[in-house]
Amino acid sequence: MNQRHEHAMYDVDPLHHHPPQADLEDTRLTHHQVMQMAVAELLIEKNIVSADELRAQIDFMDTITPARGAALVARAWTDAGFKDRLVADSKAAAAEIGLDIGPIPILVMENTAKIHNLIVCTLCSCYPRFLLGIPPDWYKSRSYRRRAINEPRKVLAEFGTEIGHEVELRVHDSTADMRYMVLPMRPQGTGAMDEAALAELVTRDCMVGVALPRP
């Protein structure tokens, strides 16, 4: 009786009052999740990596935030030479400030007064994770992947980003072998801001191209 009573009290505890959530095991694994698990198991079985090494890498990926990319952008805004090196070779430029951006090449596409860049992955959700962390759900959605190619200006407008028709809009399709990051233009009125303050203006969406940095 006491156990049943305690359980009932726990059920109505306001600190635990929330709608029931489906257990992880109740949701169907996607094709990519199945493939990911299979590859991980194969790598461990073949002694290519150990389970501890794999866990450590997953833990590291979980710590990555868009602040890494923002640091590159802020440095590029304050150092023209660094900007040129970043556009030419992002991995080498990132190493200058102590960042390892991973083995997959990342092309940095510079926005100008005449060109605006937008990043998408039409096949799945290839994304510069070593710079920006986990991709947002909207980036992985079928709607964004299709519409970013077919009607990019409408997509940008839905994010609150209006690009004039005098500006060329370039859409870059990421692949398993190549990632992209947008280098947005430095906002006007930020001449007195230092590098750290500038980095605070750079959001994940700016580096995907769906938003502009605001002072």
N, C-alpha and C. Protein backbone atom coordinates (compact mmCIF):
# COMPACT_ATOMS: atom_id res chain seq x y z
N MET A 1 0.83 -1.20 0.00
CA MET A 1 0.00 0.00 0.00
C MET A 1 0.86 1.25 0.00
N ASN A 2 1.90 1.26 0.87
CA ASN A 2 2.74 2.44 0.95
C ASN A 2 3.41 2.74 -0.40
N GLN A 3 3.86 1.66 -1.06
CA GLN A 3 4.53 1.87 -2.34
C GLN A 3 3.58 2.44 -3.38
N ARG A 4 2.31 1.94 -3.38
CA ARG A 4 1.34 2.46 -4.34
C ARG A 4 1.02 3.91 -4.02
N HIS A 5 0.93 4.24 -2.74
CA HIS A 5 0.62 5.61 -2.34
C HIS A 5 1.75 6.56 -2.73
N GLU A 6 2.99 6.15 -2.51
CA GLU A 6 4.13 6.99 -2.86
C GLU A 6 4.20 7.21 -4.37
N HIS A 7 3.87 6.18 -5.10
CA HIS A 7 3.91 6.31 -6.56
C HIS A 7 2.84 7.29 -7.03
N ALA A 8 1.66 7.24 -6.44
CA ALA A 8 0.59 8.15 -6.80
C ALA A 8 0.98 9.59 -6.50
N MET A 9 1.60 9.81 -5.34
CA MET A 9 2.03 11.16 -4.98
C MET A 9 3.07 11.66 -5.97
N TYR A 10 3.95 10.79 -6.40
CA TYR A 10 4.99 11.17 -7.37
C TYR A 10 4.35 11.58 -8.70
N ASP A 11 3.28 10.88 -9.09
CA ASP A 11 2.65 11.17 -10.37
C ASP A 11 2.06 12.57 -10.41
N VAL A 12 1.62 13.08 -9.29
CA VAL A 12 0.99 14.38 -9.28
C VAL A 12 1.93 15.47 -8.77
N ASP A 13 3.17 15.14 -8.53
CA ASP A 13 4.16 16.12 -8.10
C ASP A 13 4.25 17.21 -9.17
N PRO A 14 3.97 18.48 -8.84
CA PRO A 14 4.00 19.54 -9.87
C PRO A 14 5.35 19.71 -10.52
N LEU A 15 6.42 19.31 -9.82
CA LEU A 15 7.74 19.44 -10.40
C LEU A 15 7.96 18.44 -11.53
N HIS A 16 7.11 17.40 -11.58
CA HIS A 16 7.26 16.38 -12.61
C HIS A 16 6.03 16.33 -13.53
N HIS A 17 5.25 17.41 -13.52
CA HIS A 17 4.03 17.40 -14.31
C HIS A 17 4.35 17.84 -15.74
N HIS A 18 4.34 16.92 -16.67
CA HIS A 18 4.57 17.23 -18.07
C HIS A 18 3.95 16.13 -18.91
N PRO A 19 3.62 16.42 -20.16
CA PRO A 19 3.01 15.38 -21.00
C PRO A 19 3.99 14.24 -21.23
N PRO A 20 3.49 13.02 -21.32
CA PRO A 20 4.37 11.88 -21.53
C PRO A 20 5.10 11.98 -22.86
N GLN A 21 6.36 11.58 -22.85
CA GLN A 21 7.18 11.59 -24.05
C GLN A 21 7.42 10.14 -24.52
N ALA A 22 7.50 9.99 -25.81
CA ALA A 22 7.78 8.65 -26.35
C ALA A 22 9.19 8.23 -25.98
N ASP A 23 9.34 6.97 -25.61
CA ASP A 23 10.69 6.46 -25.34
C ASP A 23 11.48 6.46 -26.63
N LEU A 24 12.80 6.63 -26.51
CA LEU A 24 13.67 6.65 -27.68
C LEU A 24 13.50 5.38 -28.49
N GLU A 25 13.33 4.26 -27.78
CA GLU A 25 13.23 2.98 -28.47
C GLU A 25 11.91 2.84 -29.25
N ASP A 26 10.94 3.75 -28.98
CA ASP A 26 9.65 3.66 -29.65
C ASP A 26 9.65 4.35 -31.01
N THR A 27 10.70 5.09 -31.31
CA THR A 27 10.76 5.80 -32.59
C THR A 27 11.62 5.00 -33.57
N ARG A 28 11.19 4.98 -34.82
CA ARG A 28 11.90 4.22 -35.85
C ARG A 28 13.21 4.91 -36.20
N LEU A 29 14.28 4.15 -36.26
CA LEU A 29 15.57 4.70 -36.65
C LEU A 29 15.55 5.08 -38.13
N THR A 30 16.17 6.20 -38.45
CA THR A 30 16.26 6.60 -39.85
C THR A 30 17.34 5.78 -40.55
N HIS A 31 17.33 5.83 -41.87
CA HIS A 31 18.36 5.13 -42.65
C HIS A 31 19.75 5.58 -42.24
N HIS A 32 19.93 6.90 -42.05
CA HIS A 32 21.25 7.42 -41.73
C HIS A 32 21.68 7.02 -40.31
N GLN A 33 20.74 6.93 -39.38
CA GLN A 33 21.08 6.47 -38.04
C GLN A 33 21.53 5.01 -38.06
N VAL A 34 20.84 4.19 -38.83
CA VAL A 34 21.21 2.78 -38.95
C VAL A 34 22.61 2.66 -39.55
N MET A 35 22.87 3.44 -40.62
CA MET A 35 24.18 3.40 -41.26
C MET A 35 25.27 3.88 -40.31
N GLN A 36 24.97 4.91 -39.55
CA GLN A 36 25.95 5.44 -38.60
C GLN A 36 26.32 4.39 -37.56
N MET A 37 25.31 3.71 -37.03
CA MET A 37 25.57 2.67 -36.02
C MET A 37 26.36 1.52 -36.63
N ALA A 38 26.02 1.15 -37.86
CA ALA A 38 26.72 0.03 -38.51
C ALA A 38 28.19 0.37 -38.77
N VAL A 39 28.44 1.60 -39.22
CA VAL A 39 29.83 2.01 -39.48
C VAL A 39 30.62 2.05 -38.18
N ALA A 40 30.01 2.58 -37.11
CA ALA A 40 30.70 2.64 -35.82
C ALA A 40 31.06 1.25 -35.33
N GLU A 41 30.12 0.32 -35.43
CA GLU A 41 30.38 -1.05 -34.98
C GLU A 41 31.49 -1.70 -35.82
N LEU A 42 31.50 -1.42 -37.12
CA LEU A 42 32.50 -2.00 -38.00
C LEU A 42 33.89 -1.43 -37.69
N LEU A 43 33.98 -0.13 -37.43
CA LEU A 43 35.26 0.49 -37.10
C LEU A 43 35.85 -0.10 -35.82
N ILE A 44 34.98 -0.33 -34.85
CA ILE A 44 35.44 -0.92 -33.59
C ILE A 44 35.84 -2.37 -33.79
N GLU A 45 35.03 -3.12 -34.54
CA GLU A 45 35.31 -4.54 -34.79
C GLU A 45 36.64 -4.73 -35.52
N LYS A 46 36.96 -3.82 -36.45
CA LYS A 46 38.20 -3.92 -37.24
C LYS A 46 39.39 -3.29 -36.52
N ASN A 47 39.17 -2.83 -35.28
CA ASN A 47 40.23 -2.20 -34.48
C ASN A 47 40.82 -0.96 -35.15
N ILE A 48 39.99 -0.27 -35.94
CA ILE A 48 40.42 0.99 -36.55
C ILE A 48 40.36 2.11 -35.51
N VAL A 49 39.31 2.09 -34.72
CA VAL A 49 39.20 2.99 -33.55
C VAL A 49 38.67 2.15 -32.39
N SER A 50 38.94 2.61 -31.20
CA SER A 50 38.39 1.94 -30.02
C SER A 50 37.07 2.60 -29.63
N ALA A 51 36.30 1.92 -28.82
CA ALA A 51 35.05 2.48 -28.34
C ALA A 51 35.30 3.76 -27.55
N ASP A 52 36.40 3.79 -26.77
CA ASP A 52 36.73 4.99 -26.00
C ASP A 52 37.06 6.15 -26.92
N GLU A 53 37.80 5.89 -27.99
CA GLU A 53 38.14 6.95 -28.94
C GLU A 53 36.90 7.48 -29.63
N LEU A 54 36.00 6.58 -29.98
CA LEU A 54 34.77 6.99 -30.63
C LEU A 54 33.92 7.84 -29.69
N ARG A 55 33.83 7.42 -28.44
CA ARG A 55 33.06 8.19 -27.45
C ARG A 55 33.67 9.58 -27.25
N ALA A 56 35.01 9.63 -27.19
CA ALA A 56 35.68 10.91 -26.99
C ALA A 56 35.40 11.86 -28.15
N GLN A 57 35.37 11.32 -29.37
CA GLN A 57 35.10 12.17 -30.52
C GLN A 57 33.66 12.67 -30.50
N ILE A 58 32.73 11.82 -30.12
CA ILE A 58 31.32 12.23 -30.02
C ILE A 58 31.17 13.31 -28.95
N ASP A 59 31.84 13.12 -27.83
CA ASP A 59 31.78 14.13 -26.75
C ASP A 59 32.34 15.45 -27.24
N PHE A 60 33.44 15.41 -28.00
CA PHE A 60 34.03 16.63 -28.53
C PHE A 60 33.06 17.33 -29.48
N MET A 61 32.43 16.57 -30.37
CA MET A 61 31.50 17.17 -31.31
C MET A 61 30.34 17.85 -30.59
N ASP A 62 29.94 17.28 -29.45
CA ASP A 62 28.84 17.87 -28.68
C ASP A 62 29.22 19.21 -28.07
N THR A 63 30.52 19.49 -27.94
CA THR A 63 30.94 20.75 -27.33
C THR A 63 31.08 21.87 -28.35
N ILE A 64 31.05 21.55 -29.64
CA ILE A 64 31.26 22.56 -30.67
C ILE A 64 30.03 23.44 -30.80
N THR A 65 30.24 24.75 -30.84
CA THR A 65 29.17 25.71 -31.02
C THR A 65 29.53 26.65 -32.17
N PRO A 66 28.58 27.44 -32.64
CA PRO A 66 28.88 28.41 -33.71
C PRO A 66 29.91 29.46 -33.31
N ALA A 67 30.28 29.53 -32.04
CA ALA A 67 31.28 30.50 -31.60
C ALA A 67 32.61 30.28 -32.31
N ARG A 68 32.89 29.04 -32.70
CA ARG A 68 34.15 28.77 -33.42
C ARG A 68 34.15 29.49 -34.77
N GLY A 69 33.07 29.34 -35.51
CA GLY A 69 32.97 30.05 -36.79
C GLY A 69 32.94 31.55 -36.61
N ALA A 70 32.24 32.01 -35.56
CA ALA A 70 32.15 33.45 -35.30
C ALA A 70 33.52 34.05 -35.03
N ALA A 71 34.40 33.29 -34.38
CA ALA A 71 35.75 33.78 -34.12
C ALA A 71 36.51 33.99 -35.42
N LEU A 72 36.33 33.09 -36.38
CA LEU A 72 36.97 33.26 -37.69
C LEU A 72 36.44 34.50 -38.40
N VAL A 73 35.13 34.68 -38.36
CA VAL A 73 34.52 35.82 -39.04
C VAL A 73 35.02 37.14 -38.42
N ALA A 74 35.02 37.21 -37.10
CA ALA A 74 35.46 38.43 -36.43
C ALA A 74 36.91 38.76 -36.75
N ARG A 75 37.76 37.74 -36.80
CA ARG A 75 39.16 37.98 -37.15
C ARG A 75 39.26 38.48 -38.60
N ALA A 76 38.47 37.89 -39.49
CA ALA A 76 38.48 38.31 -40.89
C ALA A 76 38.01 39.75 -41.04
N TRP A 77 37.05 40.15 -40.21
CA TRP A 77 36.56 41.53 -40.27
C TRP A 77 37.61 42.55 -39.84
N THR A 78 38.53 42.13 -38.99
CA THR A 78 39.51 43.07 -38.44
C THR A 78 40.89 42.92 -39.05
N ASP A 79 41.08 41.91 -39.89
CA ASP A 79 42.40 41.65 -40.46
C ASP A 79 42.22 41.21 -41.91
N ALA A 80 42.45 42.14 -42.84
CA ALA A 80 42.22 41.85 -44.26
C ALA A 80 43.09 40.72 -44.76
N GLY A 81 44.32 40.64 -44.25
CA GLY A 81 45.21 39.55 -44.67
C GLY A 81 44.68 38.21 -44.23
N PHE A 82 44.16 38.16 -43.00
CA PHE A 82 43.59 36.91 -42.50
C PHE A 82 42.36 36.53 -43.33
N LYS A 83 41.55 37.53 -43.68
CA LYS A 83 40.36 37.23 -44.50
C LYS A 83 40.77 36.57 -45.82
N ASP A 84 41.79 37.11 -46.46
CA ASP A 84 42.24 36.52 -47.73
C ASP A 84 42.71 35.09 -47.53
N ARG A 85 43.43 34.85 -46.43
CA ARG A 85 43.91 33.49 -46.16
C ARG A 85 42.76 32.56 -45.80
N LEU A 86 41.75 33.07 -45.13
CA LEU A 86 40.59 32.26 -44.76
C LEU A 86 39.83 31.81 -46.00
N VAL A 87 39.63 32.72 -46.92
CA VAL A 87 38.92 32.37 -48.16
C VAL A 87 39.74 31.40 -49.01
N ALA A 88 41.07 31.58 -48.99
CA ALA A 88 41.94 30.72 -49.80
C ALA A 88 42.10 29.32 -49.21
N ASP A 89 42.21 29.24 -47.88
CA ASP A 89 42.47 27.95 -47.22
C ASP A 89 41.96 28.05 -45.78
N SER A 90 40.72 27.66 -45.58
CA SER A 90 40.09 27.84 -44.26
C SER A 90 40.78 27.02 -43.18
N LYS A 91 41.25 25.84 -43.52
CA LYS A 91 41.88 24.98 -42.51
C LYS A 91 43.17 25.62 -41.98
N ALA A 92 44.00 26.12 -42.91
CA ALA A 92 45.25 26.75 -42.49
C ALA A 92 44.99 28.03 -41.71
N ALA A 93 44.02 28.83 -42.17
CA ALA A 93 43.70 30.07 -41.47
C ALA A 93 43.15 29.78 -40.07
N ALA A 94 42.29 28.78 -39.95
CA ALA A 94 41.74 28.43 -38.65
C ALA A 94 42.84 27.98 -37.69
N ALA A 95 43.83 27.27 -38.22
CA ALA A 95 44.94 26.81 -37.38
C ALA A 95 45.71 27.98 -36.79
N GLU A 96 45.71 29.12 -37.48
CA GLU A 96 46.40 30.31 -36.98
C GLU A 96 45.84 30.77 -35.63
N ILE A 97 44.55 30.53 -35.42
CA ILE A 97 43.95 30.94 -34.14
C ILE A 97 43.62 29.72 -33.26
N GLY A 98 44.29 28.61 -33.57
CA GLY A 98 44.18 27.43 -32.71
C GLY A 98 42.97 26.57 -32.91
N LEU A 99 42.33 26.64 -34.09
CA LEU A 99 41.14 25.84 -34.35
C LEU A 99 41.44 24.73 -35.35
N ASP A 100 41.03 23.52 -35.03
CA ASP A 100 41.07 22.40 -35.96
C ASP A 100 39.66 22.24 -36.51
N ILE A 101 39.48 22.49 -37.82
CA ILE A 101 38.13 22.45 -38.39
C ILE A 101 37.86 21.13 -39.11
N GLY A 102 38.65 20.10 -38.80
CA GLY A 102 38.34 18.76 -39.28
C GLY A 102 38.93 18.44 -40.64
N PRO A 103 38.76 17.19 -41.06
CA PRO A 103 39.40 16.71 -42.29
C PRO A 103 38.69 17.09 -43.58
N ILE A 104 37.41 17.44 -43.50
CA ILE A 104 36.65 17.74 -44.72
C ILE A 104 36.83 19.21 -45.08
N PRO A 105 37.21 19.50 -46.32
CA PRO A 105 37.43 20.90 -46.72
C PRO A 105 36.17 21.75 -46.53
N ILE A 106 36.39 22.97 -46.06
CA ILE A 106 35.31 23.94 -45.88
C ILE A 106 35.65 25.17 -46.71
N LEU A 107 34.82 25.45 -47.70
CA LEU A 107 35.01 26.64 -48.52
C LEU A 107 34.28 27.80 -47.87
N VAL A 108 34.98 28.91 -47.70
CA VAL A 108 34.39 30.10 -47.10
C VAL A 108 33.97 31.04 -48.22
N MET A 109 32.67 31.33 -48.30
CA MET A 109 32.11 32.15 -49.36
C MET A 109 31.82 33.54 -48.81
N GLU A 110 32.49 34.54 -49.37
CA GLU A 110 32.40 35.90 -48.85
C GLU A 110 31.21 36.66 -49.44
N ASN A 111 30.36 37.19 -48.57
CA ASN A 111 29.30 38.09 -49.01
C ASN A 111 29.90 39.46 -49.32
N THR A 112 29.36 40.11 -50.34
CA THR A 112 29.77 41.47 -50.69
C THR A 112 28.51 42.29 -50.95
N ALA A 113 28.70 43.54 -51.31
CA ALA A 113 27.55 44.39 -51.63
C ALA A 113 26.81 43.89 -52.86
N LYS A 114 27.48 43.08 -53.68
CA LYS A 114 26.87 42.60 -54.92
C LYS A 114 26.54 41.11 -54.92
N ILE A 115 27.01 40.38 -53.91
CA ILE A 115 26.83 38.92 -53.87
C ILE A 115 26.39 38.49 -52.48
N HIS A 116 25.35 37.67 -52.42
CA HIS A 116 24.95 37.05 -51.16
C HIS A 116 24.96 35.54 -51.34
N ASN A 117 25.54 34.83 -50.38
CA ASN A 117 25.69 33.37 -50.47
C ASN A 117 24.74 32.68 -49.50
N LEU A 118 24.22 31.54 -49.92
CA LEU A 118 23.32 30.72 -49.12
C LEU A 118 23.79 29.28 -49.19
N ILE A 119 23.77 28.60 -48.04
CA ILE A 119 24.27 27.22 -47.97
C ILE A 119 23.10 26.26 -47.77
N VAL A 120 23.16 25.12 -48.46
CA VAL A 120 22.16 24.08 -48.32
C VAL A 120 22.85 22.75 -48.60
N CYS A 121 22.21 21.67 -48.20
CA CYS A 121 22.61 20.34 -48.64
C CYS A 121 21.36 19.66 -49.17
N THR A 122 21.25 19.55 -50.47
CA THR A 122 20.02 19.04 -51.07
C THR A 122 19.85 17.54 -50.87
N LEU A 123 20.94 16.82 -50.65
CA LEU A 123 20.86 15.36 -50.52
C LEU A 123 20.48 14.93 -49.12
N CYS A 124 21.14 15.51 -48.11
CA CYS A 124 20.84 15.12 -46.73
C CYS A 124 21.01 16.33 -45.82
N SER A 125 22.10 16.38 -45.06
CA SER A 125 22.31 17.54 -44.18
C SER A 125 23.80 17.77 -43.94
N CYS A 126 24.61 17.64 -44.98
CA CYS A 126 26.05 17.93 -44.85
C CYS A 126 26.22 19.36 -44.37
N TYR A 127 27.11 19.56 -43.41
CA TYR A 127 27.14 20.82 -42.65
C TYR A 127 28.52 20.96 -42.04
N PRO A 128 29.06 22.18 -41.90
CA PRO A 128 30.40 22.35 -41.32
C PRO A 128 30.37 22.20 -39.80
N ARG A 129 30.18 20.99 -39.33
CA ARG A 129 29.98 20.75 -37.91
C ARG A 129 31.19 21.14 -37.06
N PHE A 130 32.39 21.03 -37.61
CA PHE A 130 33.57 21.39 -36.83
C PHE A 130 33.66 22.89 -36.59
N LEU A 131 32.87 23.66 -37.32
CA LEU A 131 32.83 25.11 -37.11
C LEU A 131 31.55 25.57 -36.45
N LEU A 132 30.43 24.96 -36.80
CA LEU A 132 29.13 25.45 -36.35
C LEU A 132 28.39 24.51 -35.42
N GLY A 133 28.89 23.31 -35.20
CA GLY A 133 28.20 22.38 -34.31
C GLY A 133 27.10 21.61 -35.02
N ILE A 134 26.09 21.23 -34.27
CA ILE A 134 24.99 20.43 -34.80
C ILE A 134 24.09 21.29 -35.68
N PRO A 135 23.72 20.82 -36.87
CA PRO A 135 22.84 21.62 -37.73
C PRO A 135 21.44 21.75 -37.14
N PRO A 136 20.78 22.88 -37.36
CA PRO A 136 19.40 23.05 -36.85
C PRO A 136 18.44 22.16 -37.63
N ASP A 137 17.29 21.90 -37.03
CA ASP A 137 16.31 21.02 -37.66
C ASP A 137 15.85 21.57 -39.01
N TRP A 138 15.69 22.89 -39.10
CA TRP A 138 15.19 23.44 -40.37
C TRP A 138 16.17 23.20 -41.51
N TYR A 139 17.46 23.17 -41.21
CA TYR A 139 18.46 22.93 -42.24
C TYR A 139 18.33 21.51 -42.80
N LYS A 140 17.93 20.57 -41.95
CA LYS A 140 17.80 19.18 -42.35
C LYS A 140 16.45 18.87 -42.98
N SER A 141 15.51 19.82 -42.91
CA SER A 141 14.16 19.55 -43.39
C SER A 141 14.11 19.43 -44.91
N ARG A 142 13.20 18.62 -45.39
CA ARG A 142 13.03 18.45 -46.83
C ARG A 142 12.61 19.76 -47.48
N SER A 143 11.79 20.54 -46.77
CA SER A 143 11.31 21.80 -47.31
C SER A 143 12.46 22.76 -47.59
N TYR A 144 13.36 22.94 -46.63
CA TYR A 144 14.48 23.86 -46.83
C TYR A 144 15.39 23.35 -47.93
N ARG A 145 15.68 22.06 -47.93
CA ARG A 145 16.60 21.50 -48.92
C ARG A 145 16.07 21.69 -50.34
N ARG A 146 14.76 21.62 -50.50
CA ARG A 146 14.17 21.80 -51.83
C ARG A 146 14.01 23.28 -52.18
N ARG A 147 13.48 24.05 -51.26
CA ARG A 147 13.13 25.43 -51.58
C ARG A 147 14.34 26.36 -51.64
N ALA A 148 15.41 26.02 -50.92
CA ALA A 148 16.60 26.86 -50.98
C ALA A 148 17.17 26.91 -52.39
N ILE A 149 16.94 25.87 -53.15
CA ILE A 149 17.38 25.82 -54.54
C ILE A 149 16.37 26.47 -55.47
N ASN A 150 15.08 26.16 -55.26
CA ASN A 150 14.05 26.58 -56.20
C ASN A 150 13.55 28.00 -55.98
N GLU A 151 13.51 28.44 -54.74
CA GLU A 151 13.01 29.78 -54.44
C GLU A 151 13.77 30.39 -53.25
N PRO A 152 15.08 30.59 -53.42
CA PRO A 152 15.91 31.04 -52.30
C PRO A 152 15.51 32.39 -51.73
N ARG A 153 15.05 33.32 -52.55
CA ARG A 153 14.68 34.64 -52.03
C ARG A 153 13.46 34.55 -51.12
N LYS A 154 12.53 33.68 -51.45
CA LYS A 154 11.37 33.49 -50.58
C LYS A 154 11.80 32.87 -49.26
N VAL A 155 12.71 31.92 -49.32
CA VAL A 155 13.21 31.29 -48.09
C VAL A 155 13.88 32.35 -47.21
N LEU A 156 14.72 33.18 -47.80
CA LEU A 156 15.40 34.23 -47.03
C LEU A 156 14.39 35.19 -46.42
N ALA A 157 13.37 35.54 -47.18
CA ALA A 157 12.35 36.47 -46.67
C ALA A 157 11.64 35.89 -45.46
N GLU A 158 11.45 34.57 -45.45
CA GLU A 158 10.79 33.94 -44.30
C GLU A 158 11.67 33.97 -43.06
N PHE A 159 12.98 34.11 -43.25
CA PHE A 159 13.90 34.30 -42.13
C PHE A 159 14.06 35.78 -41.79
N GLY A 160 13.32 36.65 -42.49
CA GLY A 160 13.42 38.08 -42.24
C GLY A 160 14.58 38.74 -42.95
N THR A 161 15.11 38.09 -43.97
CA THR A 161 16.27 38.60 -44.70
C THR A 161 15.84 38.97 -46.12
N GLU A 162 15.80 40.25 -46.38
CA GLU A 162 15.42 40.74 -47.71
C GLU A 162 16.68 41.08 -48.49
N ILE A 163 16.86 40.44 -49.62
CA ILE A 163 18.01 40.67 -50.49
C ILE A 163 17.50 41.32 -51.77
N GLY A 164 18.02 42.52 -52.07
CA GLY A 164 17.58 43.23 -53.27
C GLY A 164 17.89 42.46 -54.53
N HIS A 165 17.09 42.69 -55.57
CA HIS A 165 17.28 41.96 -56.82
C HIS A 165 18.53 42.40 -57.56
N GLU A 166 19.12 43.53 -57.14
CA GLU A 166 20.39 43.93 -57.73
C GLU A 166 21.55 43.12 -57.17
N VAL A 167 21.30 42.36 -56.11
CA VAL A 167 22.32 41.51 -55.48
C VAL A 167 22.20 40.10 -56.04
N GLU A 168 23.30 39.56 -56.51
CA GLU A 168 23.31 38.18 -57.02
C GLU A 168 23.25 37.21 -55.85
N LEU A 169 22.33 36.27 -55.93
CA LEU A 169 22.17 35.27 -54.87
C LEU A 169 22.76 33.94 -55.36
N ARG A 170 23.79 33.47 -54.65
CA ARG A 170 24.45 32.22 -55.01
C ARG A 170 24.15 31.16 -53.96
N VAL A 171 23.63 30.03 -54.41
CA VAL A 171 23.29 28.92 -53.52
C VAL A 171 24.33 27.82 -53.70
N HIS A 172 24.93 27.40 -52.58
CA HIS A 172 26.00 26.39 -52.62
C HIS A 172 25.50 25.10 -51.99
N ASP A 173 25.64 24.01 -52.72
CA ASP A 173 25.14 22.70 -52.29
C ASP A 173 26.27 21.89 -51.66
N SER A 174 26.22 21.72 -50.35
CA SER A 174 27.25 20.95 -49.65
C SER A 174 27.20 19.48 -50.04
N THR A 175 28.34 18.82 -49.93
CA THR A 175 28.41 17.39 -50.24
C THR A 175 29.20 16.69 -49.15
N ALA A 176 29.30 15.38 -49.27
CA ALA A 176 30.07 14.60 -48.29
C ALA A 176 31.54 14.97 -48.33
N ASP A 177 32.01 15.51 -49.45
CA ASP A 177 33.43 15.82 -49.61
C ASP A 177 33.74 17.31 -49.50
N MET A 178 32.71 18.15 -49.39
CA MET A 178 32.93 19.59 -49.36
C MET A 178 31.84 20.27 -48.54
N ARG A 179 32.26 21.13 -47.63
CA ARG A 179 31.33 21.92 -46.84
C ARG A 179 31.53 23.40 -47.18
N TYR A 180 30.56 24.22 -46.80
CA TYR A 180 30.64 25.66 -47.04
C TYR A 180 30.30 26.42 -45.77
N MET A 181 30.87 27.62 -45.65
CA MET A 181 30.49 28.56 -44.61
C MET A 181 30.46 29.95 -45.22
N VAL A 182 29.46 30.74 -44.85
CA VAL A 182 29.35 32.10 -45.36
C VAL A 182 30.17 33.04 -44.47
N LEU A 183 30.92 33.93 -45.12
CA LEU A 183 31.59 35.03 -44.43
C LEU A 183 30.72 36.26 -44.66
N PRO A 184 29.89 36.63 -43.68
CA PRO A 184 28.98 37.76 -43.89
C PRO A 184 29.74 39.09 -43.91
N MET A 185 29.08 40.12 -44.43
CA MET A 185 29.68 41.45 -44.42
C MET A 185 29.62 42.04 -43.01
N ARG A 186 30.63 42.79 -42.68
CA ARG A 186 30.65 43.47 -41.38
C ARG A 186 29.60 44.56 -41.38
N PRO A 187 28.75 44.60 -40.34
CA PRO A 187 27.70 45.63 -40.30
C PRO A 187 28.29 47.03 -40.16
N GLN A 188 27.59 48.00 -40.73
CA GLN A 188 27.99 49.39 -40.55
C GLN A 188 27.80 49.80 -39.10
N GLY A 189 28.61 50.76 -38.66
CA GLY A 189 28.49 51.27 -37.30
C GLY A 189 29.20 50.43 -36.27
N THR A 190 30.07 49.51 -36.70
CA THR A 190 30.78 48.65 -35.75
C THR A 190 32.28 48.95 -35.73
N GLY A 191 32.67 50.12 -36.25
CA GLY A 191 34.08 50.44 -36.36
C GLY A 191 34.81 50.49 -35.03
N ALA A 192 34.09 50.82 -33.95
CA ALA A 192 34.74 50.94 -32.64
C ALA A 192 34.75 49.64 -31.86
N MET A 193 34.13 48.59 -32.40
CA MET A 193 34.01 47.33 -31.67
C MET A 193 35.28 46.50 -31.82
N ASP A 194 35.69 45.83 -30.73
CA ASP A 194 36.86 44.96 -30.82
C ASP A 194 36.44 43.58 -31.34
N GLU A 195 37.43 42.71 -31.50
CA GLU A 195 37.18 41.41 -32.11
C GLU A 195 36.19 40.57 -31.30
N ALA A 196 36.32 40.60 -29.99
CA ALA A 196 35.42 39.81 -29.15
C ALA A 196 33.98 40.29 -29.28
N ALA A 197 33.79 41.60 -29.30
CA ALA A 197 32.44 42.15 -29.43
C ALA A 197 31.86 41.86 -30.81
N LEU A 198 32.69 41.91 -31.82
CA LEU A 198 32.23 41.59 -33.17
C LEU A 198 31.77 40.14 -33.27
N ALA A 199 32.50 39.25 -32.64
CA ALA A 199 32.14 37.83 -32.68
C ALA A 199 30.74 37.60 -32.11
N GLU A 200 30.34 38.43 -31.15
CA GLU A 200 29.00 38.28 -30.55
C GLU A 200 27.90 38.59 -31.55
N LEU A 201 28.22 39.32 -32.60
CA LEU A 201 27.22 39.68 -33.61
C LEU A 201 26.99 38.56 -34.62
N VAL A 202 27.91 37.61 -34.66
CA VAL A 202 27.88 36.59 -35.72
C VAL A 202 27.13 35.35 -35.22
N THR A 203 25.98 35.11 -35.79
CA THR A 203 25.17 33.95 -35.40
C THR A 203 25.38 32.79 -36.36
N ARG A 204 24.90 31.64 -35.96
CA ARG A 204 24.93 30.46 -36.83
C ARG A 204 24.22 30.76 -38.15
N ASP A 205 23.06 31.40 -38.08
CA ASP A 205 22.27 31.66 -39.29
C ASP A 205 23.00 32.59 -40.25
N CYS A 206 23.81 33.53 -39.72
CA CYS A 206 24.61 34.40 -40.58
C CYS A 206 25.60 33.58 -41.39
N MET A 207 26.17 32.55 -40.76
CA MET A 207 27.20 31.75 -41.43
C MET A 207 26.63 30.68 -42.34
N VAL A 208 25.30 30.48 -42.28
CA VAL A 208 24.61 29.64 -43.25
C VAL A 208 24.10 30.50 -44.40
N GLY A 209 23.84 31.77 -44.09
CA GLY A 209 23.42 32.70 -45.13
C GLY A 209 21.96 33.08 -45.09
N VAL A 210 21.22 32.57 -44.09
CA VAL A 210 19.80 32.91 -44.02
C VAL A 210 19.54 34.19 -43.23
N ALA A 211 20.57 34.74 -42.60
CA ALA A 211 20.42 35.95 -41.80
C ALA A 211 21.63 36.85 -42.02
N LEU A 212 21.49 38.09 -41.56
CA LEU A 212 22.58 39.06 -41.62
C LEU A 212 22.95 39.48 -40.21
N PRO A 213 24.23 39.74 -39.96
CA PRO A 213 24.61 40.21 -38.61
C PRO A 213 24.06 41.60 -38.33
N ARG A 214 23.57 41.78 -37.12
CA ARG A 214 22.99 43.07 -36.72
C ARG A 214 23.80 43.68 -35.61
N PRO A 215 24.14 44.99 -35.71
CA PRO A 215 24.89 45.62 -34.62
C PRO A 215 23.99 45.85 -33.40
